[in-house]
Amino acid sequence: MKDVIEKMGLLARLKVADKDIQMVAEKFTRILHYVETLKQVDVTGLEATSHATENKDAFREDIAKKDPDSKEIVDGFFVVPKVIE
């Protein structure tokens, strides 16, 4: 198992100290057991998704418009009402 952990560390570009190899191996084993548990879940009839939400294209056309809160521009900066006392 030490060889596997060292190889994973190399691939992930992580240095795993010799004293931590046993702990990492135990955590990795628990992760693999969890993945095996997930493989047993029946997903028949479920539609595959690539995102957790159904957000559509969030981009919009960039249209310049006058900010209703800015009354004037001074030295290239918008002058807006003071909001902090």
PDB file of N, CA and C in Angstrom:
ATOM      1  N   MET A   1       0.832  -1.193   0.000  1.00  0.00           N
ATOM      2  CA  MET A   1       0.000   0.000   0.000  1.00  0.00           C
ATOM      3  C   MET A   1       0.871   1.250   0.000  1.00  0.00           C
ATOM      4  N   LYS A   2       2.040   1.185   0.627  1.00  0.00           N
ATOM      5  CA  LYS A   2       2.931   2.338   0.677  1.00  0.00           C
ATOM      6  C   LYS A   2       3.297   2.785  -0.732  1.00  0.00           C
ATOM      7  N   ASP A   3       3.538   1.819  -1.634  1.00  0.00           N
ATOM      8  CA  ASP A   3       3.891   2.160  -3.011  1.00  0.00           C
ATOM      9  C   ASP A   3       2.747   2.899  -3.709  1.00  0.00           C
ATOM     10  N   VAL A   4       1.522   2.443  -3.449  1.00  0.00           N
ATOM     11  CA  VAL A   4       0.352   3.073  -4.066  1.00  0.00           C
ATOM     12  C   VAL A   4       0.205   4.510  -3.581  1.00  0.00           C
ATOM     13  N   ILE A   5       0.347   4.728  -2.280  1.00  0.00           N
ATOM     14  CA  ILE A   5       0.213   6.075  -1.717  1.00  0.00           C
ATOM     15  C   ILE A   5       1.317   6.983  -2.249  1.00  0.00           C
ATOM     16  N   GLU A   6       2.522   6.473  -2.327  1.00  0.00           N
ATOM     17  CA  GLU A   6       3.627   7.282  -2.865  1.00  0.00           C
ATOM     18  C   GLU A   6       3.384   7.624  -4.328  1.00  0.00           C
ATOM     19  N   LYS A   7       2.861   6.675  -5.112  1.00  0.00           N
ATOM     20  CA  LYS A   7       2.563   6.920  -6.528  1.00  0.00           C
ATOM     21  C   LYS A   7       1.455   7.972  -6.659  1.00  0.00           C
ATOM     22  N   MET A   8       0.404   7.864  -5.827  1.00  0.00           N
ATOM     23  CA  MET A   8      -0.671   8.856  -5.860  1.00  0.00           C
ATOM     24  C   MET A   8      -0.134  10.237  -5.486  1.00  0.00           C
ATOM     25  N   GLY A   9       0.716  10.286  -4.485  1.00  0.00           N
ATOM     26  CA  GLY A   9       1.321  11.552  -4.085  1.00  0.00           C
ATOM     27  C   GLY A   9       2.137  12.152  -5.209  1.00  0.00           C
ATOM     28  N   LEU A  10       2.878  11.311  -5.905  1.00  0.00           N
ATOM     29  CA  LEU A  10       3.684  11.782  -7.034  1.00  0.00           C
ATOM     30  C   LEU A  10       2.789  12.346  -8.128  1.00  0.00           C
ATOM     31  N   LEU A  11       1.733  11.606  -8.465  1.00  0.00           N
ATOM     32  CA  LEU A  11       0.820  12.059  -9.514  1.00  0.00           C
ATOM     33  C   LEU A  11       0.098  13.351  -9.134  1.00  0.00           C
ATOM     34  N   ALA A  12      -0.214  13.496  -7.850  1.00  0.00           N
ATOM     35  CA  ALA A  12      -0.906  14.695  -7.363  1.00  0.00           C
ATOM     36  C   ALA A  12       0.072  15.801  -6.992  1.00  0.00           C
ATOM     37  N   ARG A  13       1.352  15.511  -7.152  1.00  0.00           N
ATOM     38  CA  ARG A  13       2.409  16.463  -6.797  1.00  0.00           C
ATOM     39  C   ARG A  13       2.343  16.856  -5.324  1.00  0.00           C
ATOM     40  N   LEU A  14       2.111  15.840  -4.492  1.00  0.00           N
ATOM     41  CA  LEU A  14       2.059  16.031  -3.045  1.00  0.00           C
ATOM     42  C   LEU A  14       3.143  15.186  -2.402  1.00  0.00           C
ATOM     43  N   LYS A  15       3.761  15.720  -1.403  1.00  0.00           N
ATOM     44  CA  LYS A  15       4.759  14.973  -0.643  1.00  0.00           C
ATOM     45  C   LYS A  15       4.054  14.382   0.571  1.00  0.00           C
ATOM     46  N   VAL A  16       4.023  13.056   0.630  1.00  0.00           N
ATOM     47  CA  VAL A  16       3.413  12.375   1.762  1.00  0.00           C
ATOM     48  C   VAL A  16       4.537  11.858   2.646  1.00  0.00           C
ATOM     49  N   ALA A  17       4.601  12.367   3.861  1.00  0.00           N
ATOM     50  CA  ALA A  17       5.643  11.948   4.793  1.00  0.00           C
ATOM     51  C   ALA A  17       5.428  10.489   5.174  1.00  0.00           C
ATOM     52  N   ASP A  18       6.519   9.785   5.444  1.00  0.00           N
ATOM     53  CA  ASP A  18       6.433   8.375   5.828  1.00  0.00           C
ATOM     54  C   ASP A  18       5.513   8.164   7.022  1.00  0.00           C
ATOM     55  N   LYS A  19       5.525   9.099   7.967  1.00  0.00           N
ATOM     56  CA  LYS A  19       4.686   8.954   9.157  1.00  0.00           C
ATOM     57  C   LYS A  19       3.196   9.103   8.841  1.00  0.00           C
ATOM     58  N   ASP A  20       2.860   9.691   7.674  1.00  0.00           N
ATOM     59  CA  ASP A  20       1.459   9.922   7.315  1.00  0.00           C
ATOM     60  C   ASP A  20       0.909   8.890   6.343  1.00  0.00           C
ATOM     61  N   ILE A  21       1.750   8.003   5.835  1.00  0.00           N
ATOM     62  CA  ILE A  21       1.307   7.058   4.807  1.00  0.00           C
ATOM     63  C   ILE A  21       0.176   6.173   5.317  1.00  0.00           C
ATOM     64  N   GLN A  22       0.270   5.661   6.530  1.00  0.00           N
ATOM     65  CA  GLN A  22      -0.775   4.788   7.076  1.00  0.00           C
ATOM     66  C   GLN A  22      -2.101   5.525   7.178  1.00  0.00           C
ATOM     67  N   MET A  23      -2.085   6.766   7.667  1.00  0.00           N
ATOM     68  CA  MET A  23      -3.306   7.556   7.798  1.00  0.00           C
ATOM     69  C   MET A  23      -3.922   7.839   6.425  1.00  0.00           C
ATOM     70  N   VAL A  24      -3.090   8.197   5.446  1.00  0.00           N
ATOM     71  CA  VAL A  24      -3.586   8.480   4.096  1.00  0.00           C
ATOM     72  C   VAL A  24      -4.172   7.206   3.495  1.00  0.00           C
ATOM     73  N   ALA A  25      -3.521   6.074   3.710  1.00  0.00           N
ATOM     74  CA  ALA A  25      -4.013   4.802   3.190  1.00  0.00           C
ATOM     75  C   ALA A  25      -5.381   4.468   3.773  1.00  0.00           C
ATOM     76  N   GLU A  26      -5.574   4.702   5.069  1.00  0.00           N
ATOM     77  CA  GLU A  26      -6.866   4.437   5.700  1.00  0.00           C
ATOM     78  C   GLU A  26      -7.958   5.339   5.128  1.00  0.00           C
ATOM     79  N   LYS A  27      -7.639   6.616   4.951  1.00  0.00           N
ATOM     80  CA  LYS A  27      -8.630   7.551   4.386  1.00  0.00           C
ATOM     81  C   LYS A  27      -8.962   7.188   2.944  1.00  0.00           C
ATOM     82  N   PHE A  28      -7.955   6.817   2.184  1.00  0.00           N
ATOM     83  CA  PHE A  28      -8.164   6.430   0.795  1.00  0.00           C
ATOM     84  C   PHE A  28      -9.040   5.177   0.720  1.00  0.00           C
ATOM     85  N   THR A  29      -8.797   4.232   1.612  1.00  0.00           N
ATOM     86  CA  THR A  29      -9.601   3.009   1.654  1.00  0.00           C
ATOM     87  C   THR A  29     -11.055   3.340   1.959  1.00  0.00           C
ATOM     88  N   ARG A  30     -11.301   4.262   2.904  1.00  0.00           N
ATOM     89  CA  ARG A  30     -12.678   4.673   3.220  1.00  0.00           C
ATOM     90  C   ARG A  30     -13.346   5.334   2.017  1.00  0.00           C
ATOM     91  N   ILE A  31     -12.588   6.125   1.283  1.00  0.00           N
ATOM     92  CA  ILE A  31     -13.138   6.771   0.078  1.00  0.00           C
ATOM     93  C   ILE A  31     -13.535   5.716  -0.939  1.00  0.00           C
ATOM     94  N   LEU A  32     -12.669   4.730  -1.150  1.00  0.00           N
ATOM     95  CA  LEU A  32     -12.975   3.666  -2.112  1.00  0.00           C
ATOM     96  C   LEU A  32     -14.200   2.859  -1.683  1.00  0.00           C
ATOM     97  N   HIS A  33     -14.345   2.598  -0.396  1.00  0.00           N
ATOM     98  CA  HIS A  33     -15.535   1.893   0.098  1.00  0.00           C
ATOM     99  C   HIS A  33     -16.793   2.722  -0.154  1.00  0.00           C
ATOM    100  N   TYR A  34     -16.692   4.031   0.031  1.00  0.00           N
ATOM    101  CA  TYR A  34     -17.840   4.904  -0.214  1.00  0.00           C
ATOM    102  C   TYR A  34     -18.220   4.898  -1.689  1.00  0.00           C
ATOM    103  N   VAL A  35     -17.217   4.920  -2.565  1.00  0.00           N
ATOM    104  CA  VAL A  35     -17.482   4.871  -4.009  1.00  0.00           C
ATOM    105  C   VAL A  35     -18.185   3.559  -4.352  1.00  0.00           C
ATOM    106  N   GLU A  36     -17.758   2.464  -3.758  1.00  0.00           N
ATOM    107  CA  GLU A  36     -18.426   1.180  -3.984  1.00  0.00           C
ATOM    108  C   GLU A  36     -19.880   1.233  -3.520  1.00  0.00           C
ATOM    109  N   THR A  37     -20.140   1.899  -2.407  1.00  0.00           N
ATOM    110  CA  THR A  37     -21.512   2.064  -1.931  1.00  0.00           C
ATOM    111  C   THR A  37     -22.340   2.854  -2.936  1.00  0.00           C
ATOM    112  N   LEU A  38     -21.760   3.920  -3.471  1.00  0.00           N
ATOM    113  CA  LEU A  38     -22.474   4.742  -4.459  1.00  0.00           C
ATOM    114  C   LEU A  38     -22.766   3.955  -5.731  1.00  0.00           C
ATOM    115  N   LYS A  39     -21.887   3.042  -6.101  1.00  0.00           N
ATOM    116  CA  LYS A  39     -22.100   2.236  -7.307  1.00  0.00           C
ATOM    117  C   LYS A  39     -23.336   1.342  -7.172  1.00  0.00           C
ATOM    118  N   GLN A  40     -23.746   1.044  -5.947  1.00  0.00           N
ATOM    119  CA  GLN A  40     -24.888   0.165  -5.724  1.00  0.00           C
ATOM    120  C   GLN A  40     -26.227   0.901  -5.807  1.00  0.00           C
ATOM    121  N   VAL A  41     -26.205   2.219  -5.880  1.00  0.00           N
ATOM    122  CA  VAL A  41     -27.440   2.998  -5.941  1.00  0.00           C
ATOM    123  C   VAL A  41     -28.074   2.816  -7.320  1.00  0.00           C
ATOM    124  N   ASP A  42     -29.372   2.520  -7.333  1.00  0.00           N
ATOM    125  CA  ASP A  42     -30.096   2.327  -8.585  1.00  0.00           C
ATOM    126  C   ASP A  42     -30.445   3.688  -9.190  1.00  0.00           C
ATOM    127  N   VAL A  43     -29.867   3.979 -10.325  1.00  0.00           N
ATOM    128  CA  VAL A  43     -30.116   5.256 -10.992  1.00  0.00           C
ATOM    129  C   VAL A  43     -30.891   5.057 -12.291  1.00  0.00           C
ATOM    130  N   THR A  44     -31.508   3.913 -12.419  1.00  0.00           N
ATOM    131  CA  THR A  44     -32.298   3.616 -13.609  1.00  0.00           C
ATOM    132  C   THR A  44     -33.393   4.664 -13.768  1.00  0.00           C
ATOM    133  N   GLY A  45     -33.500   5.220 -14.941  1.00  0.00           N
ATOM    134  CA  GLY A  45     -34.535   6.201 -15.230  1.00  0.00           C
ATOM    135  C   GLY A  45     -34.167   7.629 -14.876  1.00  0.00           C
ATOM    136  N   LEU A  46     -33.015   7.841 -14.276  1.00  0.00           N
ATOM    137  CA  LEU A  46     -32.587   9.204 -13.946  1.00  0.00           C
ATOM    138  C   LEU A  46     -31.792   9.778 -15.104  1.00  0.00           C
ATOM    139  N   GLU A  47     -32.068  11.016 -15.411  1.00  0.00           N
ATOM    140  CA  GLU A  47     -31.358  11.686 -16.497  1.00  0.00           C
ATOM    141  C   GLU A  47     -29.994  12.153 -16.003  1.00  0.00           C
ATOM    142  N   ALA A  48     -28.972  11.904 -16.801  1.00  0.00           N
ATOM    143  CA  ALA A  48     -27.618  12.335 -16.441  1.00  0.00           C
ATOM    144  C   ALA A  48     -27.542  13.856 -16.442  1.00  0.00           C
ATOM    145  N   THR A  49     -26.785  14.411 -15.507  1.00  0.00           N
ATOM    146  CA  THR A  49     -26.610  15.854 -15.431  1.00  0.00           C
ATOM    147  C   THR A  49     -25.128  16.183 -15.409  1.00  0.00           C
ATOM    148  N   SER A  50     -24.822  17.370 -15.857  1.00  0.00           N
ATOM    149  CA  SER A  50     -23.427  17.814 -15.799  1.00  0.00           C
ATOM    150  C   SER A  50     -23.253  18.896 -14.739  1.00  0.00           C
ATOM    151  N   HIS A  51     -24.381  19.435 -14.234  1.00  0.00           N
ATOM    152  CA  HIS A  51     -24.342  20.475 -13.205  1.00  0.00           C
ATOM    153  C   HIS A  51     -25.419  20.195 -12.173  1.00  0.00           C
ATOM    154  N   ALA A  52     -25.211  20.687 -10.988  1.00  0.00           N
ATOM    155  CA  ALA A  52     -26.188  20.478  -9.925  1.00  0.00           C
ATOM    156  C   ALA A  52     -27.420  21.358 -10.092  1.00  0.00           C
ATOM    157  N   THR A  53     -27.292  22.439 -10.835  1.00  0.00           N
ATOM    158  CA  THR A  53     -28.424  23.340 -11.053  1.00  0.00           C
ATOM    159  C   THR A  53     -28.707  23.427 -12.546  1.00  0.00           C
ATOM    160  N   GLU A  54     -29.844  23.983 -12.868  1.00  0.00           N
ATOM    161  CA  GLU A  54     -30.227  24.104 -14.271  1.00  0.00           C
ATOM    162  C   GLU A  54     -29.979  25.516 -14.802  1.00  0.00           C
ATOM    163  N   ASN A  55     -28.895  26.131 -14.406  1.00  0.00           N
ATOM    164  CA  ASN A  55     -28.588  27.472 -14.892  1.00  0.00           C
ATOM    165  C   ASN A  55     -28.366  27.435 -16.398  1.00  0.00           C
ATOM    166  N   LYS A  56     -28.978  28.363 -17.050  1.00  0.00           N
ATOM    167  CA  LYS A  56     -28.775  28.494 -18.493  1.00  0.00           C
ATOM    168  C   LYS A  56     -27.616  29.452 -18.714  1.00  0.00           C
ATOM    169  N   ASP A  57     -27.378  29.780 -19.950  1.00  0.00           N
ATOM    170  CA  ASP A  57     -26.284  30.682 -20.289  1.00  0.00           C
ATOM    171  C   ASP A  57     -26.435  31.983 -19.506  1.00  0.00           C
ATOM    172  N   ALA A  58     -25.475  32.272 -18.647  1.00  0.00           N
ATOM    173  CA  ALA A  58     -25.558  33.434 -17.771  1.00  0.00           C
ATOM    174  C   ALA A  58     -25.066  34.703 -18.462  1.00  0.00           C
ATOM    175  N   PHE A  59     -24.550  34.564 -19.667  1.00  0.00           N
ATOM    176  CA  PHE A  59     -24.014  35.741 -20.351  1.00  0.00           C
ATOM    177  C   PHE A  59     -25.123  36.511 -21.037  1.00  0.00           C
ATOM    178  N   ARG A  60     -24.965  37.806 -21.086  1.00  0.00           N
ATOM    179  CA  ARG A  60     -25.916  38.657 -21.782  1.00  0.00           C
ATOM    180  C   ARG A  60     -25.116  39.637 -22.622  1.00  0.00           C
ATOM    181  N   GLU A  61     -25.784  40.248 -23.547  1.00  0.00           N
ATOM    182  CA  GLU A  61     -25.112  41.238 -24.376  1.00  0.00           C
ATOM    183  C   GLU A  61     -24.740  42.437 -23.506  1.00  0.00           C
ATOM    184  N   ASP A  62     -23.558  42.944 -23.688  1.00  0.00           N
ATOM    185  CA  ASP A  62     -23.075  44.082 -22.903  1.00  0.00           C
ATOM    186  C   ASP A  62     -23.608  45.365 -23.538  1.00  0.00           C
ATOM    187  N   ILE A  63     -24.610  45.935 -22.913  1.00  0.00           N
ATOM    188  CA  ILE A  63     -25.243  47.148 -23.437  1.00  0.00           C
ATOM    189  C   ILE A  63     -24.957  48.290 -22.470  1.00  0.00           C
ATOM    190  N   ALA A  64     -24.337  49.333 -22.961  1.00  0.00           N
ATOM    191  CA  ALA A  64     -24.039  50.493 -22.123  1.00  0.00           C
ATOM    192  C   ALA A  64     -25.319  51.288 -21.896  1.00  0.00           C
ATOM    193  N   LYS A  65     -25.554  51.670 -20.649  1.00  0.00           N
ATOM    194  CA  LYS A  65     -26.710  52.508 -20.343  1.00  0.00           C
ATOM    195  C   LYS A  65     -26.358  53.403 -19.168  1.00  0.00           C
ATOM    196  N   LYS A  66     -27.074  54.470 -19.043  1.00  0.00           N
ATOM    197  CA  LYS A  66     -26.809  55.431 -17.986  1.00  0.00           C
ATOM    198  C   LYS A  66     -27.304  54.877 -16.654  1.00  0.00           C
ATOM    199  N   ASP A  67     -26.453  54.958 -15.647  1.00  0.00           N
ATOM    200  CA  ASP A  67     -26.815  54.518 -14.308  1.00  0.00           C
ATOM    201  C   ASP A  67     -27.777  55.541 -13.722  1.00  0.00           C
ATOM    202  N   PRO A  68     -28.987  55.106 -13.314  1.00  0.00           N
ATOM    203  CA  PRO A  68     -29.965  56.074 -12.804  1.00  0.00           C
ATOM    204  C   PRO A  68     -29.529  56.733 -11.494  1.00  0.00           C
ATOM    205  N   ASP A  69     -28.601  56.128 -10.735  1.00  0.00           N
ATOM    206  CA  ASP A  69     -28.154  56.704  -9.470  1.00  0.00           C
ATOM    207  C   ASP A  69     -27.012  57.702  -9.645  1.00  0.00           C
ATOM    208  N   SER A  70     -26.358  57.661 -10.795  1.00  0.00           N
ATOM    209  CA  SER A  70     -25.228  58.576 -10.977  1.00  0.00           C
ATOM    210  C   SER A  70     -25.713  59.850 -11.660  1.00  0.00           C
ATOM    211  N   LYS A  71     -25.556  60.944 -10.966  1.00  0.00           N
ATOM    212  CA  LYS A  71     -26.039  62.222 -11.486  1.00  0.00           C
ATOM    213  C   LYS A  71     -24.966  62.945 -12.292  1.00  0.00           C
ATOM    214  N   GLU A  72     -23.713  62.664 -11.958  1.00  0.00           N
ATOM    215  CA  GLU A  72     -22.643  63.341 -12.668  1.00  0.00           C
ATOM    216  C   GLU A  72     -21.369  62.502 -12.619  1.00  0.00           C
ATOM    217  N   ILE A  73     -20.424  62.881 -13.448  1.00  0.00           N
ATOM    218  CA  ILE A  73     -19.118  62.218 -13.476  1.00  0.00           C
ATOM    219  C   ILE A  73     -18.069  63.279 -13.179  1.00  0.00           C
ATOM    220  N   VAL A  74     -17.201  63.006 -12.190  1.00  0.00           N
ATOM    221  CA  VAL A  74     -16.144  63.926 -11.804  1.00  0.00           C
ATOM    222  C   VAL A  74     -14.819  63.195 -11.931  1.00  0.00           C
ATOM    223  N   ASP A  75     -13.922  63.729 -12.740  1.00  0.00           N
ATOM    224  CA  ASP A  75     -12.605  63.135 -12.969  1.00  0.00           C
ATOM    225  C   ASP A  75     -12.710  61.669 -13.384  1.00  0.00           C
ATOM    226  N   GLY A  76     -13.725  61.333 -14.160  1.00  0.00           N
ATOM    227  CA  GLY A  76     -13.884  59.969 -14.650  1.00  0.00           C
ATOM    228  C   GLY A  76     -14.556  59.026 -13.678  1.00  0.00           C
ATOM    229  N   PHE A  77     -15.000  59.535 -12.518  1.00  0.00           N
ATOM    230  CA  PHE A  77     -15.659  58.696 -11.525  1.00  0.00           C
ATOM    231  C   PHE A  77     -17.126  59.089 -11.417  1.00  0.00           C
ATOM    232  N   PHE A  78     -17.987  58.093 -11.188  1.00  0.00           N
ATOM    233  CA  PHE A  78     -19.402  58.365 -10.967  1.00  0.00           C
ATOM    234  C   PHE A  78     -19.602  58.966  -9.584  1.00  0.00           C
ATOM    235  N   VAL A  79     -20.414  59.966  -9.491  1.00  0.00           N
ATOM    236  CA  VAL A  79     -20.799  60.553  -8.208  1.00  0.00           C
ATOM    237  C   VAL A  79     -22.154  59.948  -7.861  1.00  0.00           C
ATOM    238  N   VAL A  80     -22.205  59.234  -6.738  1.00  0.00           N
ATOM    239  CA  VAL A  80     -23.433  58.577  -6.310  1.00  0.00           C
ATOM    240  C   VAL A  80     -23.770  59.015  -4.892  1.00  0.00           C
ATOM    241  N   PRO A  81     -25.009  58.778  -4.475  1.00  0.00           N
ATOM    242  CA  PRO A  81     -25.395  59.167  -3.123  1.00  0.00           C
ATOM    243  C   PRO A  81     -24.539  58.428  -2.071  1.00  0.00           C
ATOM    244  N   LYS A  82     -24.214  59.120  -0.989  1.00  0.00           N
ATOM    245  CA  LYS A  82     -23.422  58.542   0.095  1.00  0.00           C
ATOM    246  C   LYS A  82     -24.277  57.499   0.818  1.00  0.00           C
ATOM    247  N   VAL A  83     -23.683  56.312   1.050  1.00  0.00           N
ATOM    248  CA  VAL A  83     -24.432  55.247   1.718  1.00  0.00           C
ATOM    249  C   VAL A  83     -23.832  54.877   3.061  1.00  0.00           C
ATOM    250  N   ILE A  84     -22.631  55.359   3.376  1.00  0.00           N
ATOM    251  CA  ILE A  84     -21.975  55.077   4.652  1.00  0.00           C
ATOM    252  C   ILE A  84     -21.748  56.374   5.380  1.00  0.00           C
ATOM    253  N   GLU A  85     -22.155  56.401   6.629  1.00  0.00           N
ATOM    254  CA  GLU A  85     -21.970  57.610   7.432  1.00  0.00           C
ATOM    255  C   GLU A  85     -20.579  57.638   8.035  1.00  0.00           C
TER     256      GLU A  85
END
